[in-house]
C-alpha atoms as a PDB file:
ATOM      1  CA  UNK A   1    -105.110-115.605  12.542  1.00  0.00           C
ATOM      2  CA  UNK A   2    -103.219-116.616  15.688  1.00  0.00           C
ATOM      3  CA  UNK A   3    -106.036-115.502  17.982  1.00  0.00           C
ATOM      4  CA  UNK A   4    -108.498-117.757  16.117  1.00  0.00           C
ATOM      5  CA  UNK A   5    -106.231-120.774  16.561  1.00  0.00           C
ATOM      6  CA  UNK A   6    -105.813-120.012  20.263  1.00  0.00           C
ATOM      7  CA  UNK A   7    -109.587-119.580  20.676  1.00  0.00           C
ATOM      8  CA  UNK A   8    -110.274-122.930  19.029  1.00  0.00           C
ATOM      9  CA  UNK A   9    -107.638-124.632  21.158  1.00  0.00           C
ATOM     10  CA  UNK A  10    -109.214-123.211  24.330  1.00  0.00           C
ATOM     11  CA  UNK A  11    -112.686-124.357  23.232  1.00  0.00           C
ATOM     12  CA  UNK A  12    -111.313-127.809  22.466  1.00  0.00           C
ATOM     13  CA  UNK A  13    -109.579-127.994  25.837  1.00  0.00           C
ATOM     14  CA  UNK A  14    -112.671-126.945  27.783  1.00  0.00           C
ATOM     15  CA  UNK A  15    -115.063-129.157  25.847  1.00  0.00           C
ATOM     16  CA  UNK A  16    -112.848-132.218  26.215  1.00  0.00           C
ATOM     17  CA  UNK A  17    -113.645-132.380  29.914  1.00  0.00           C
ATOM     18  CA  UNK A  18    -117.423-131.946  29.725  1.00  0.00           C
ATOM     19  CA  UNK A  19    -118.121-135.624  30.548  1.00  0.00           C
ATOM     20  CA  UNK A  20    -116.610-136.515  33.885  1.00  0.00           C
ATOM     21  CA  UNK A  21    -118.386-139.887  34.150  1.00  0.00           C
ATOM     22  CA  UNK A  22    -117.401-141.345  30.762  1.00  0.00           C
ATOM     23  CA  UNK A  23    -115.633-144.691  31.007  1.00  0.00           C
ATOM     24  CA  UNK A  24    -113.762-144.731  27.707  1.00  0.00           C
ATOM     25  CA  UNK A  25    -112.005-141.678  26.274  1.00  0.00           C
ATOM     26  CA  UNK A  26    -110.114-141.459  23.013  1.00  0.00           C
ATOM     27  CA  UNK A  27    -108.123-138.673  21.421  1.00  0.00           C
ATOM     28  CA  UNK A  28    -106.876-139.047  17.864  1.00  0.00           C
ATOM     29  CA  UNK A  29    -105.567-136.605  15.324  1.00  0.00           C
ATOM     30  CA  UNK A  30    -103.196-135.665  12.596  1.00  0.00           C
ATOM     31  CA  UNK A  31    -101.005-132.692  11.821  1.00  0.00           C
ATOM     32  CA  UNK A  32     -99.495-132.064   8.413  1.00  0.00           C
ATOM     33  CA  UNK A  33     -97.281-129.390   6.888  1.00  0.00           C
ATOM     34  CA  UNK A  34     -97.472-129.109   3.126  1.00  0.00           C
ATOM     35  CA  UNK A  35     -94.832-127.365   1.017  1.00  0.00           C
ATOM     36  CA  UNK A  36     -96.046-125.704  -2.165  1.00  0.00           C
ATOM     37  CA  UNK A  37     -94.215-124.596  -5.299  1.00  0.00           C
ATOM     38  CA  UNK A  38     -96.406-122.929  -7.932  1.00  0.00           C
ATOM     39  CA  UNK A  39     -95.477-122.138 -11.532  1.00  0.00           C
ATOM     40  CA  UNK A  40     -98.294-120.457 -13.469  1.00  0.00           C
ATOM     41  CA  UNK A  41     -98.062-119.808 -17.172  1.00  0.00           C
ATOM     42  CA  UNK A  42    -100.768-117.524 -18.467  1.00  0.00           C
ATOM     43  CA  UNK A  43    -103.149-115.304 -16.542  1.00  0.00           C
ATOM     44  CA  UNK A  44    -101.840-115.505 -12.974  1.00  0.00           C
ATOM     45  CA  UNK A  45    -104.472-113.077 -11.626  1.00  0.00           C
ATOM     46  CA  UNK A  46    -107.333-115.265 -12.866  1.00  0.00           C
ATOM     47  CA  UNK A  47    -105.655-118.471 -11.647  1.00  0.00           C
ATOM     48  CA  UNK A  48    -105.360-117.085  -8.089  1.00  0.00           C
ATOM     49  CA  UNK A  49    -108.630-115.108  -8.063  1.00  0.00           C
ATOM     50  CA  UNK A  50    -110.311-117.007  -5.177  1.00  0.00           C
ATOM     51  CA  UNK A  51    -107.416-118.833  -3.525  1.00  0.00           C
ATOM     52  CA  UNK A  52    -103.961-118.325  -2.087  1.00  0.00           C
ATOM     53  CA  UNK A  53    -101.410-120.346  -4.050  1.00  0.00           C
ATOM     54  CA  UNK A  54     -98.209-118.589  -3.090  1.00  0.00           C
ATOM     55  CA  UNK A  55     -94.993-120.571  -2.761  1.00  0.00           C
ATOM     56  CA  UNK A  56     -94.284-121.691   0.787  1.00  0.00           C
ATOM     57  CA  UNK A  57     -95.823-123.995   3.352  1.00  0.00           C
ATOM     58  CA  UNK A  58     -99.228-124.334   4.971  1.00  0.00           C
ATOM     59  CA  UNK A  59    -100.559-126.637   7.637  1.00  0.00           C
ATOM     60  CA  UNK A  60    -103.579-128.807   8.357  1.00  0.00           C
ATOM     61  CA  UNK A  61    -104.764-130.118  11.737  1.00  0.00           C
ATOM     62  CA  UNK A  62    -107.478-132.633  12.516  1.00  0.00           C
ATOM     63  CA  UNK A  63    -108.366-133.748  16.062  1.00  0.00           C
ATOM     64  CA  UNK A  64    -111.144-136.012  17.338  1.00  0.00           C
ATOM     65  CA  UNK A  65    -112.064-136.548  20.986  1.00  0.00           C
ATOM     66  CA  UNK A  66    -114.645-139.104  22.112  1.00  0.00           C
ATOM     67  CA  UNK A  67    -115.813-139.803  25.649  1.00  0.00           C
ATOM     68  CA  UNK A  68    -118.731-142.203  25.930  1.00  0.00           C
ATOM     69  CA  UNK A  69    -121.601-140.689  23.949  1.00  0.00           C
ATOM     70  CA  UNK A  70    -119.895-137.283  23.577  1.00  0.00           C
ATOM     71  CA  UNK A  71    -117.612-136.292  20.716  1.00  0.00           C
ATOM     72  CA  UNK A  72    -115.695-133.264  19.481  1.00  0.00           C
ATOM     73  CA  UNK A  73    -114.016-132.742  16.097  1.00  0.00           C
ATOM     74  CA  UNK A  74    -111.629-129.900  15.300  1.00  0.00           C
ATOM     75  CA  UNK A  75    -110.440-129.397  11.706  1.00  0.00           C
ATOM     76  CA  UNK A  76    -108.204-126.576  10.493  1.00  0.00           C
ATOM     77  CA  UNK A  77    -106.962-126.252   6.936  1.00  0.00           C
ATOM     78  CA  UNK A  78    -104.496-124.065   5.055  1.00  0.00           C
ATOM     79  CA  UNK A  79    -103.362-122.436   8.294  1.00  0.00           C
ATOM     80  CA  UNK A  80    -101.407-119.261   7.620  1.00  0.00           C
ATOM     81  CA  UNK A  81    -102.926-118.679   4.182  1.00  0.00           C
ATOM     82  CA  UNK A  82    -105.582-116.250   3.014  1.00  0.00           C
ATOM     83  CA  UNK A  83    -107.941-119.130   2.141  1.00  0.00           C
ATOM     84  CA  UNK A  84    -107.847-120.743   5.596  1.00  0.00           C
ATOM     85  CA  UNK A  85    -110.750-122.647   7.169  1.00  0.00           C
ATOM     86  CA  UNK A  86    -111.664-123.816  10.661  1.00  0.00           C
ATOM     87  CA  UNK A  87    -114.429-126.160  11.829  1.00  0.00           C
ATOM     88  CA  UNK A  88    -115.487-127.294  15.280  1.00  0.00           C
ATOM     89  CA  UNK A  89    -118.185-129.925  15.533  1.00  0.00           C
ATOM     90  CA  UNK A  90    -119.419-131.852  18.516  1.00  0.00           C
ATOM     91  CA  UNK A  91    -122.303-133.095  20.550  1.00  0.00           C
ATOM     92  CA  UNK A  92    -123.719-136.057  22.356  1.00  0.00           C
ATOM     93  CA  UNK A  93    -125.075-138.962  20.303  1.00  0.00           C
ATOM     94  CA  UNK A  94    -128.884-138.942  20.423  1.00  0.00           C
ATOM     95  CA  UNK A  95    -129.105-135.617  22.310  1.00  0.00           C
ATOM     96  CA  UNK A  96    -127.599-132.626  20.503  1.00  0.00           C
ATOM     97  CA  UNK A  97    -125.001-131.570  17.960  1.00  0.00           C
ATOM     98  CA  UNK A  98    -123.322-128.293  17.084  1.00  0.00           C
ATOM     99  CA  UNK A  99    -121.189-127.066  14.214  1.00  0.00           C
ATOM    100  CA  UNK A 100    -119.100-123.883  14.165  1.00  0.00           C
ATOM    101  CA  UNK A 101    -117.256-122.964  11.012  1.00  0.00           C
ATOM    102  CA  UNK A 102    -115.129-120.237   9.520  1.00  0.00           C
ATOM    103  CA  UNK A 103    -113.994-120.203   5.899  1.00  0.00           C
ATOM    104  CA  UNK A 104    -112.000-117.318   4.499  1.00  0.00           C
ATOM    105  CA  UNK A 105    -112.194-116.854   0.734  1.00  0.00           C
ATOM    106  CA  UNK A 106    -110.041-114.071  -0.695  1.00  0.00           C
ATOM    107  CA  UNK A 107    -110.911-112.191  -3.856  1.00  0.00           C
ATOM    108  CA  UNK A 108    -107.628-111.194  -5.498  1.00  0.00           C
ATOM    109  CA  UNK A 109    -107.943-108.619  -8.268  1.00  0.00           C
ATOM    110  CA  UNK A 110    -104.305-108.652  -9.380  1.00  0.00           C
ATOM    111  CA  UNK A 111    -101.338-111.031  -9.245  1.00  0.00           C
ATOM    112  CA  UNK A 112     -99.471-108.688  -6.834  1.00  0.00           C
ATOM    113  CA  UNK A 113    -101.805-109.527  -3.867  1.00  0.00           C
END
């Protein structure tokens, strides 16, 4: 998991400098850490079949970089969980766009994980 975060950070860092002649540059973002306390009554294995709802904390990151006509968005969700997701989107308005994504969906067969 850590190598994926580092890879995305390197891509974001390299891509942020692709327009040397842009006059206006903006960088905006948000980082959040979410605590979670789960109390399941009933079939815990079925409740957690396709997600990771353990007690503890997870994080979300969203960054947006704009430079003239070029833009880059980085979104990461549920970092450190088994149902984590990462997206990198960017391009140049009117020329090209790209979208890279990774979404991990676990399939838990028992409540013991």
